[in-house]
Amino acid sequence: MKTPTLLTKRGHKEQHMQPRANDRRSTHRFRAEFGTLVSDKSGINNEVGAILDLSLVGCQVRVPVLVYPALVMELYINAPNLDRAIFVEKAVVQWVKGDTFGLHFLVLEKAELIRLGRVLAELEQERVSIATDR
């Protein structure tokens, strides 16, 4: 599995995550059913929905809100076993199909990226446990 390209701006406390143009699925996606809150940065369109799959660089969400590709949003990921939601400061809509759309994470603080990595590690552990139980 390839690691995503992470670019850190000097003097900033966030990770800027840029996918390689020819490497769109460079990280493994995990099926998930987490609650989420998305906002279109204006604060007017805050909507609750569900995350359907999740990776280190993006996710698929189902939210009853009108979005379009290239729209920049904020995202809160409500994963179990966390004391507070993971906050993604900027995520861009990649594709839309009805009330489901794909988000690519652009900006998230380093601490949030670490927390997201832990959630993904737990999902991987669950996947391995289920696979070995069969």
N, C-alpha and C. Protein backbone atom coordinates (compact mmCIF):
# COMPACT_ATOMS: atom_id res chain seq x y z
N MET A 1 0.85 -1.17 0.00
CA MET A 1 0.00 0.00 0.00
C MET A 1 0.89 1.23 0.00
N LYS A 2 0.60 2.16 -0.91
CA LYS A 2 1.37 3.38 -1.00
C LYS A 2 0.89 4.38 0.04
N THR A 3 1.79 5.22 0.51
CA THR A 3 1.41 6.26 1.44
C THR A 3 1.05 7.53 0.68
N PRO A 4 0.07 8.31 1.18
CA PRO A 4 -0.29 9.53 0.49
C PRO A 4 0.82 10.56 0.61
N THR A 5 0.83 11.46 -0.33
CA THR A 5 1.81 12.55 -0.29
C THR A 5 1.33 13.58 0.71
N LEU A 6 2.11 13.87 1.73
CA LEU A 6 1.74 14.86 2.73
C LEU A 6 2.70 16.03 2.62
N LEU A 7 2.14 17.20 2.46
CA LEU A 7 2.95 18.39 2.37
C LEU A 7 2.65 19.28 3.56
N THR A 8 3.67 19.67 4.31
CA THR A 8 3.47 20.52 5.47
C THR A 8 4.01 21.90 5.16
N LYS A 9 3.16 22.89 5.36
CA LYS A 9 3.63 24.26 5.20
C LYS A 9 4.39 24.65 6.45
N ARG A 10 5.55 25.20 6.27
CA ARG A 10 6.38 25.61 7.39
C ARG A 10 5.65 26.67 8.20
N GLY A 11 5.63 26.54 9.51
CA GLY A 11 4.99 27.51 10.38
C GLY A 11 3.50 27.25 10.60
N HIS A 12 2.94 26.23 9.96
CA HIS A 12 1.53 25.91 10.15
C HIS A 12 1.43 24.60 10.91
N LYS A 13 0.32 24.45 11.63
CA LYS A 13 0.13 23.25 12.43
C LYS A 13 -0.83 22.27 11.76
N GLU A 14 -0.95 22.32 10.45
CA GLU A 14 -1.81 21.39 9.77
C GLU A 14 -1.06 20.65 8.69
N GLN A 15 -1.62 19.56 8.27
CA GLN A 15 -1.06 18.79 7.17
C GLN A 15 -1.87 19.13 5.93
N HIS A 16 -1.20 19.46 4.84
CA HIS A 16 -1.85 19.69 3.56
C HIS A 16 -1.66 18.43 2.75
N MET A 17 -2.74 17.82 2.38
CA MET A 17 -2.67 16.52 1.73
C MET A 17 -3.06 16.66 0.27
N GLN A 18 -2.12 16.38 -0.62
CA GLN A 18 -2.34 16.51 -2.05
C GLN A 18 -2.17 15.13 -2.69
N PRO A 19 -3.20 14.64 -3.39
CA PRO A 19 -3.02 13.35 -4.06
C PRO A 19 -2.20 13.54 -5.32
N ARG A 20 -1.50 12.50 -5.71
CA ARG A 20 -0.82 12.54 -7.00
C ARG A 20 -1.89 12.42 -8.07
N ALA A 21 -1.77 13.17 -9.13
CA ALA A 21 -2.79 13.21 -10.18
C ALA A 21 -3.10 11.82 -10.74
N ASN A 22 -2.10 10.98 -10.90
CA ASN A 22 -2.31 9.65 -11.49
C ASN A 22 -2.46 8.56 -10.43
N ASP A 23 -2.60 8.90 -9.17
CA ASP A 23 -2.64 7.93 -8.09
C ASP A 23 -3.82 8.23 -7.18
N ARG A 24 -5.03 8.11 -7.70
CA ARG A 24 -6.21 8.57 -7.00
C ARG A 24 -6.56 7.72 -5.77
N ARG A 25 -6.32 6.43 -5.79
CA ARG A 25 -6.64 5.57 -4.66
C ARG A 25 -5.37 5.01 -4.07
N SER A 26 -4.56 5.89 -3.50
CA SER A 26 -3.26 5.45 -2.99
C SER A 26 -3.34 4.89 -1.58
N THR A 27 -4.50 5.01 -0.93
CA THR A 27 -4.64 4.45 0.42
C THR A 27 -5.86 3.52 0.45
N HIS A 28 -5.81 2.56 1.34
CA HIS A 28 -6.89 1.60 1.49
C HIS A 28 -8.11 2.28 2.12
N ARG A 29 -9.28 1.98 1.60
CA ARG A 29 -10.52 2.50 2.17
C ARG A 29 -11.17 1.40 3.01
N PHE A 30 -11.72 1.81 4.14
CA PHE A 30 -12.39 0.89 5.04
C PHE A 30 -13.87 1.20 5.09
N ARG A 31 -14.68 0.17 5.01
CA ARG A 31 -16.13 0.37 5.20
C ARG A 31 -16.34 0.83 6.63
N ALA A 32 -17.22 1.78 6.79
CA ALA A 32 -17.49 2.31 8.13
C ALA A 32 -18.92 2.80 8.17
N GLU A 33 -19.45 2.91 9.35
CA GLU A 33 -20.77 3.50 9.56
C GLU A 33 -20.65 4.45 10.73
N PHE A 34 -20.08 5.62 10.46
CA PHE A 34 -19.89 6.64 11.48
C PHE A 34 -20.81 7.81 11.18
N GLY A 35 -21.24 8.47 12.23
CA GLY A 35 -21.99 9.70 12.05
C GLY A 35 -21.06 10.81 11.62
N THR A 36 -21.62 11.80 10.94
CA THR A 36 -20.81 12.93 10.49
C THR A 36 -21.66 14.20 10.46
N LEU A 37 -20.98 15.31 10.51
CA LEU A 37 -21.59 16.62 10.31
C LEU A 37 -20.74 17.29 9.24
N VAL A 38 -21.38 17.76 8.17
CA VAL A 38 -20.66 18.48 7.12
C VAL A 38 -21.20 19.90 7.06
N SER A 39 -20.31 20.82 6.67
CA SER A 39 -20.67 22.22 6.55
C SER A 39 -19.99 22.78 5.31
N ASP A 40 -20.66 23.70 4.63
CA ASP A 40 -20.10 24.27 3.41
C ASP A 40 -19.27 25.53 3.68
N LYS A 41 -18.65 25.62 4.82
CA LYS A 41 -17.75 26.72 5.22
C LYS A 41 -18.49 28.04 5.49
N SER A 42 -19.69 28.22 4.95
CA SER A 42 -20.45 29.43 5.25
C SER A 42 -21.14 29.29 6.59
N GLY A 43 -21.28 28.02 7.04
CA GLY A 43 -21.98 27.76 8.29
C GLY A 43 -23.48 27.67 8.12
N ILE A 44 -23.97 27.97 6.93
CA ILE A 44 -25.42 27.95 6.68
C ILE A 44 -25.91 26.53 6.49
N ASN A 45 -25.17 25.74 5.73
CA ASN A 45 -25.58 24.38 5.41
C ASN A 45 -24.86 23.36 6.26
N ASN A 46 -25.23 23.24 7.52
CA ASN A 46 -24.72 22.19 8.40
C ASN A 46 -25.71 21.03 8.34
N GLU A 47 -25.23 19.87 7.94
CA GLU A 47 -26.10 18.71 7.81
C GLU A 47 -25.47 17.48 8.45
N VAL A 48 -26.30 16.68 9.10
CA VAL A 48 -25.87 15.42 9.71
C VAL A 48 -26.06 14.31 8.70
N GLY A 49 -25.12 13.38 8.67
CA GLY A 49 -25.21 12.26 7.75
C GLY A 49 -24.39 11.09 8.24
N ALA A 50 -23.97 10.23 7.30
CA ALA A 50 -23.21 9.03 7.65
C ALA A 50 -22.00 8.88 6.74
N ILE A 51 -20.89 8.46 7.32
CA ILE A 51 -19.70 8.10 6.55
C ILE A 51 -19.84 6.63 6.17
N LEU A 52 -19.68 6.33 4.89
CA LEU A 52 -19.84 4.97 4.40
C LEU A 52 -18.51 4.24 4.23
N ASP A 53 -17.47 4.99 3.87
CA ASP A 53 -16.13 4.43 3.87
C ASP A 53 -15.15 5.54 4.19
N LEU A 54 -13.96 5.14 4.64
CA LEU A 54 -13.02 6.10 5.19
C LEU A 54 -11.59 5.67 4.88
N SER A 55 -10.74 6.65 4.59
CA SER A 55 -9.32 6.41 4.40
C SER A 55 -8.56 7.56 5.03
N LEU A 56 -7.26 7.51 4.93
CA LEU A 56 -6.42 8.57 5.47
C LEU A 56 -6.57 9.87 4.70
N VAL A 57 -7.00 9.80 3.46
CA VAL A 57 -7.08 11.00 2.62
C VAL A 57 -8.48 11.36 2.14
N GLY A 58 -9.49 10.60 2.53
CA GLY A 58 -10.83 10.93 2.09
C GLY A 58 -11.87 9.97 2.61
N CYS A 59 -13.11 10.23 2.19
CA CYS A 59 -14.21 9.37 2.62
C CYS A 59 -15.39 9.50 1.66
N GLN A 60 -16.32 8.58 1.81
CA GLN A 60 -17.58 8.63 1.09
C GLN A 60 -18.65 8.89 2.15
N VAL A 61 -19.51 9.87 1.89
CA VAL A 61 -20.54 10.22 2.85
C VAL A 61 -21.92 10.22 2.20
N ARG A 62 -22.92 9.98 3.02
CA ARG A 62 -24.32 10.12 2.60
C ARG A 62 -24.92 11.20 3.48
N VAL A 63 -25.25 12.31 2.86
CA VAL A 63 -25.80 13.46 3.57
C VAL A 63 -26.87 14.10 2.69
N PRO A 64 -28.05 14.38 3.24
CA PRO A 64 -29.10 15.00 2.43
C PRO A 64 -28.86 16.49 2.22
N VAL A 65 -27.86 16.81 1.40
CA VAL A 65 -27.52 18.20 1.12
C VAL A 65 -27.10 18.31 -0.34
N LEU A 66 -27.41 19.41 -0.97
CA LEU A 66 -27.04 19.63 -2.35
C LEU A 66 -25.59 20.09 -2.42
N VAL A 67 -24.73 19.30 -3.07
CA VAL A 67 -23.31 19.64 -3.23
C VAL A 67 -22.93 19.47 -4.69
N TYR A 68 -21.76 19.94 -5.04
CA TYR A 68 -21.25 19.83 -6.40
C TYR A 68 -19.75 19.62 -6.33
N PRO A 69 -19.16 18.99 -7.36
CA PRO A 69 -17.72 18.80 -7.37
C PRO A 69 -16.98 20.12 -7.24
N ALA A 70 -15.88 20.11 -6.49
CA ALA A 70 -15.00 21.25 -6.21
C ALA A 70 -15.48 22.10 -5.04
N LEU A 71 -16.65 21.80 -4.46
CA LEU A 71 -17.11 22.51 -3.27
C LEU A 71 -16.21 22.15 -2.09
N VAL A 72 -15.75 23.14 -1.34
CA VAL A 72 -14.90 22.91 -0.18
C VAL A 72 -15.77 22.91 1.07
N MET A 73 -15.59 21.89 1.91
CA MET A 73 -16.43 21.71 3.09
C MET A 73 -15.58 21.45 4.33
N GLU A 74 -16.22 21.56 5.48
CA GLU A 74 -15.66 21.09 6.75
C GLU A 74 -16.36 19.79 7.08
N LEU A 75 -15.69 18.95 7.85
CA LEU A 75 -16.24 17.63 8.16
C LEU A 75 -15.86 17.24 9.58
N TYR A 76 -16.83 16.71 10.31
CA TYR A 76 -16.59 16.12 11.63
C TYR A 76 -16.88 14.63 11.53
N ILE A 77 -15.92 13.80 11.93
CA ILE A 77 -16.06 12.35 11.88
C ILE A 77 -16.30 11.85 13.31
N ASN A 78 -17.48 11.29 13.54
CA ASN A 78 -17.85 10.80 14.87
C ASN A 78 -17.58 9.30 14.97
N ALA A 79 -16.34 8.94 15.15
CA ALA A 79 -15.96 7.54 15.27
C ALA A 79 -16.17 7.08 16.71
N PRO A 80 -16.51 5.80 16.89
CA PRO A 80 -16.67 5.29 18.25
C PRO A 80 -15.35 5.31 19.01
N ASN A 81 -15.43 5.29 20.30
CA ASN A 81 -14.28 5.25 21.21
C ASN A 81 -13.44 6.53 21.18
N LEU A 82 -13.99 7.62 20.67
CA LEU A 82 -13.29 8.90 20.70
C LEU A 82 -14.05 9.85 21.62
N ASP A 83 -13.30 10.67 22.35
CA ASP A 83 -13.94 11.62 23.25
C ASP A 83 -14.55 12.81 22.51
N ARG A 84 -14.07 13.07 21.28
CA ARG A 84 -14.63 14.14 20.44
C ARG A 84 -14.41 13.77 18.98
N ALA A 85 -15.18 14.39 18.12
CA ALA A 85 -15.11 14.09 16.70
C ALA A 85 -13.77 14.54 16.10
N ILE A 86 -13.35 13.85 15.06
CA ILE A 86 -12.17 14.25 14.28
C ILE A 86 -12.62 15.38 13.36
N PHE A 87 -11.88 16.49 13.36
CA PHE A 87 -12.25 17.65 12.56
C PHE A 87 -11.34 17.77 11.34
N VAL A 88 -11.96 17.76 10.16
CA VAL A 88 -11.25 17.99 8.91
C VAL A 88 -11.60 19.42 8.48
N GLU A 89 -10.59 20.27 8.52
CA GLU A 89 -10.81 21.70 8.27
C GLU A 89 -11.26 21.98 6.84
N LYS A 90 -10.66 21.30 5.87
CA LYS A 90 -11.04 21.48 4.47
C LYS A 90 -11.05 20.14 3.76
N ALA A 91 -12.17 19.88 3.09
CA ALA A 91 -12.30 18.69 2.25
C ALA A 91 -13.03 19.13 0.99
N VAL A 92 -12.61 18.61 -0.14
CA VAL A 92 -13.21 19.01 -1.41
C VAL A 92 -14.05 17.86 -1.96
N VAL A 93 -15.22 18.20 -2.49
CA VAL A 93 -16.10 17.21 -3.10
C VAL A 93 -15.48 16.76 -4.42
N GLN A 94 -15.29 15.44 -4.57
CA GLN A 94 -14.69 14.87 -5.78
C GLN A 94 -15.75 14.42 -6.78
N TRP A 95 -16.83 13.83 -6.27
CA TRP A 95 -17.89 13.31 -7.13
C TRP A 95 -19.19 13.32 -6.34
N VAL A 96 -20.31 13.29 -7.06
CA VAL A 96 -21.63 13.31 -6.43
C VAL A 96 -22.53 12.32 -7.15
N LYS A 97 -23.28 11.53 -6.37
CA LYS A 97 -24.28 10.61 -6.92
C LYS A 97 -25.46 10.61 -5.97
N GLY A 98 -26.48 11.39 -6.29
CA GLY A 98 -27.64 11.53 -5.41
C GLY A 98 -27.25 12.23 -4.12
N ASP A 99 -27.56 11.58 -2.99
CA ASP A 99 -27.20 12.17 -1.69
C ASP A 99 -25.89 11.61 -1.15
N THR A 100 -25.13 10.91 -2.00
CA THR A 100 -23.83 10.34 -1.63
C THR A 100 -22.75 11.06 -2.43
N PHE A 101 -21.64 11.36 -1.76
CA PHE A 101 -20.54 12.02 -2.45
C PHE A 101 -19.21 11.66 -1.82
N GLY A 102 -18.15 11.86 -2.59
CA GLY A 102 -16.81 11.56 -2.13
C GLY A 102 -16.09 12.84 -1.75
N LEU A 103 -15.39 12.81 -0.63
CA LEU A 103 -14.61 13.95 -0.16
C LEU A 103 -13.14 13.58 -0.12
N HIS A 104 -12.30 14.51 -0.55
CA HIS A 104 -10.85 14.36 -0.44
C HIS A 104 -10.39 15.38 0.60
N PHE A 105 -9.67 14.90 1.61
CA PHE A 105 -9.20 15.78 2.68
C PHE A 105 -8.05 16.66 2.18
N LEU A 106 -8.19 17.96 2.35
CA LEU A 106 -7.15 18.90 1.95
C LEU A 106 -6.35 19.40 3.14
N VAL A 107 -7.05 19.79 4.21
CA VAL A 107 -6.36 20.35 5.38
C VAL A 107 -6.92 19.72 6.63
N LEU A 108 -6.01 19.16 7.44
CA LEU A 108 -6.37 18.67 8.76
C LEU A 108 -5.14 18.76 9.64
N GLU A 109 -5.37 19.20 10.87
CA GLU A 109 -4.25 19.38 11.80
C GLU A 109 -3.55 18.05 12.03
N LYS A 110 -2.28 18.14 12.35
CA LYS A 110 -1.47 16.93 12.56
C LYS A 110 -2.08 16.03 13.64
N ALA A 111 -2.55 16.62 14.72
CA ALA A 111 -3.16 15.82 15.80
C ALA A 111 -4.40 15.09 15.31
N GLU A 112 -5.18 15.72 14.45
CA GLU A 112 -6.38 15.09 13.90
C GLU A 112 -6.00 13.96 12.94
N LEU A 113 -4.94 14.17 12.18
CA LEU A 113 -4.44 13.13 11.28
C LEU A 113 -3.99 11.90 12.07
N ILE A 114 -3.34 12.11 13.18
CA ILE A 114 -2.91 11.00 14.04
C ILE A 114 -4.12 10.26 14.59
N ARG A 115 -5.12 11.00 15.05
CA ARG A 115 -6.35 10.37 15.57
C ARG A 115 -7.05 9.57 14.49
N LEU A 116 -7.10 10.12 13.27
CA LEU A 116 -7.70 9.41 12.14
C LEU A 116 -6.93 8.12 11.86
N GLY A 117 -5.61 8.18 11.91
CA GLY A 117 -4.79 6.99 11.71
C GLY A 117 -5.10 5.90 12.74
N ARG A 118 -5.35 6.31 13.97
CA ARG A 118 -5.70 5.32 15.02
C ARG A 118 -7.05 4.67 14.73
N VAL A 119 -8.01 5.46 14.28
CA VAL A 119 -9.32 4.91 13.93
C VAL A 119 -9.18 3.91 12.80
N LEU A 120 -8.40 4.25 11.79
CA LEU A 120 -8.19 3.34 10.66
C LEU A 120 -7.46 2.07 11.10
N ALA A 121 -6.53 2.18 12.02
CA ALA A 121 -5.84 1.00 12.55
C ALA A 121 -6.83 0.08 13.26
N GLU A 122 -7.77 0.66 14.00
CA GLU A 122 -8.81 -0.15 14.66
C GLU A 122 -9.69 -0.84 13.63
N LEU A 123 -10.07 -0.12 12.56
CA LEU A 123 -10.88 -0.73 11.50
C LEU A 123 -10.13 -1.87 10.83
N GLU A 124 -8.83 -1.70 10.61
CA GLU A 124 -8.01 -2.76 10.02
C GLU A 124 -7.96 -3.97 10.94
N GLN A 125 -7.80 -3.73 12.24
CA GLN A 125 -7.75 -4.82 13.21
C GLN A 125 -9.07 -5.60 13.21
N GLU A 126 -10.18 -4.88 13.14
CA GLU A 126 -11.50 -5.54 13.08
C GLU A 126 -11.63 -6.37 11.82
N ARG A 127 -11.16 -5.81 10.69
CA ARG A 127 -11.23 -6.53 9.40
C ARG A 127 -10.41 -7.81 9.46
N VAL A 128 -9.21 -7.74 10.04
CA VAL A 128 -8.35 -8.92 10.15
C VAL A 128 -9.00 -9.95 11.08
N SER A 129 -9.57 -9.51 12.18
CA SER A 129 -10.22 -10.42 13.12
C SER A 129 -11.37 -11.17 12.47
N ILE A 130 -12.17 -10.44 11.71
CA ILE A 130 -13.31 -11.06 11.03
C ILE A 130 -12.82 -12.07 9.99
N ALA A 131 -11.79 -11.70 9.25
CA ALA A 131 -11.25 -12.57 8.20
C ALA A 131 -10.67 -13.85 8.79
N THR A 132 -10.01 -13.77 9.94
CA THR A 132 -9.40 -14.97 10.54
C THR A 132 -10.44 -15.83 11.26
N ASP A 133 -11.58 -15.26 11.61
CA ASP A 133 -12.63 -16.04 12.27
C ASP A 133 -13.41 -16.91 11.28
N ARG A 134 -13.29 -16.62 10.01
CA ARG A 134 -14.06 -17.37 9.00
C ARG A 134 -13.49 -18.71 8.73
